[in-house]
Amino acid sequence: MIGFIVAGLVIGALARLIKPGKQNLGIIATLLLGLVGSVIGGMVANLLGTGDIWELNVLGFVVAVIASVLLIGVAEAIASRGHRTAH
């Protein structure tokens, strides 16, 4: 479980480094998006037969980072839309 949390932080941090621009996300949001991305990556790797969903492998890691980058973009869009309507 601790390894899963650490992997989520690493994947979330890498996704934030890859995503251009400044993201207004805290460490908890980064962790959660990284965890969701790692589950998505594990599911894709499992569907392709390269490993178990909870097993860290190269394909799962790459898909997890890509999924996290996309999730960060979605989170930013939702946050900016909510911020605009608050004014």
Protein backbone atom coordinates (compact mmCIF):
# COMPACT_ATOMS: atom_id res chain seq x y z
CA MET A 1 0.00 0.00 0.00
CA ILE A 2 2.83 2.41 0.82
CA GLY A 3 4.44 1.56 -2.51
CA PHE A 4 1.18 2.38 -4.27
CA ILE A 5 1.06 5.80 -2.58
CA VAL A 6 4.71 6.51 -3.42
CA ALA A 7 4.11 5.45 -7.04
CA GLY A 8 1.09 7.77 -7.16
CA LEU A 9 3.17 10.69 -5.93
CA VAL A 10 5.95 9.97 -8.43
CA ILE A 11 3.52 9.56 -11.33
CA GLY A 12 1.61 12.71 -10.33
CA ALA A 13 4.83 14.70 -9.98
CA LEU A 14 6.09 13.52 -13.38
CA ALA A 15 2.76 14.39 -14.95
CA ARG A 16 2.96 17.90 -13.49
CA LEU A 17 6.48 18.30 -14.87
CA ILE A 18 5.37 17.16 -18.33
CA LYS A 19 2.20 19.30 -18.41
CA PRO A 20 3.13 22.78 -19.62
CA GLY A 21 2.24 25.81 -17.55
CA LYS A 22 1.67 26.29 -13.86
CA GLN A 23 -0.85 24.02 -12.20
CA ASN A 24 -2.67 25.21 -9.10
CA LEU A 25 -2.74 21.77 -7.48
CA GLY A 26 -1.60 20.86 -4.00
CA ILE A 27 0.25 17.72 -3.00
CA ILE A 28 -2.97 15.90 -2.12
CA ALA A 29 -4.48 16.62 -5.56
CA THR A 30 -1.20 15.53 -7.19
CA LEU A 31 -1.25 12.31 -5.16
CA LEU A 32 -4.88 11.56 -6.00
CA LEU A 33 -4.44 12.24 -9.71
CA GLY A 34 -1.28 10.13 -9.72
CA LEU A 35 -3.11 7.28 -7.96
CA VAL A 36 -5.99 7.39 -10.42
CA GLY A 37 -3.51 7.54 -13.30
CA SER A 38 -1.62 4.54 -11.92
CA VAL A 39 -4.84 2.51 -11.65
CA ILE A 40 -5.70 3.44 -15.25
CA GLY A 41 -2.18 2.49 -16.36
CA GLY A 42 -2.42 -0.83 -14.53
CA MET A 43 -5.79 -1.57 -16.10
CA VAL A 44 -4.48 -0.85 -19.60
CA ALA A 45 -1.37 -2.97 -19.00
CA ASN A 46 -3.58 -5.78 -17.66
CA LEU A 47 -5.90 -5.58 -20.67
CA LEU A 48 -2.88 -5.78 -22.99
CA GLY A 49 -1.56 -8.78 -21.06
CA THR A 50 1.71 -7.20 -19.93
CA GLY A 51 1.10 -7.56 -16.21
CA ASP A 52 -1.28 -7.50 -13.30
CA ILE A 53 -3.21 -4.30 -12.53
CA TRP A 54 -1.22 -3.73 -9.30
CA GLU A 55 2.12 -4.71 -10.80
CA LEU A 56 4.49 -1.92 -11.84
CA ASN A 57 5.76 -2.40 -15.39
CA VAL A 58 7.03 -0.11 -18.11
CA LEU A 59 3.85 0.02 -20.20
CA GLY A 60 1.65 0.55 -17.15
CA PHE A 61 3.97 3.31 -15.90
CA VAL A 62 3.96 5.14 -19.24
CA VAL A 63 0.18 4.90 -19.57
CA ALA A 64 -0.20 6.01 -15.94
CA VAL A 65 1.86 9.17 -16.56
CA ILE A 66 -0.08 9.95 -19.75
CA ALA A 67 -3.40 9.39 -17.98
CA SER A 68 -2.27 11.63 -15.11
CA VAL A 69 -1.29 14.42 -17.51
CA LEU A 70 -4.76 14.21 -19.05
CA LEU A 71 -6.39 14.13 -15.60
CA ILE A 72 -4.44 17.25 -14.57
CA GLY A 73 -5.78 19.01 -17.67
CA VAL A 74 -9.33 17.98 -16.76
CA ALA A 75 -8.86 19.08 -13.14
CA GLU A 76 -7.52 22.46 -14.27
CA ALA A 77 -10.46 22.94 -16.65
CA ILE A 78 -12.97 22.11 -13.92
CA ALA A 79 -11.21 24.36 -11.40
CA SER A 80 -11.00 27.30 -13.81
CA ARG A 81 -14.65 26.91 -14.80
CA GLY A 82 -15.71 26.90 -11.15
CA HIS A 83 -13.44 29.87 -10.43
CA ARG A 84 -14.95 31.93 -13.26
CA THR A 85 -18.53 31.34 -12.17
CA ALA A 86 -17.73 32.28 -8.55
CA HIS A 87 -17.11 35.92 -9.48
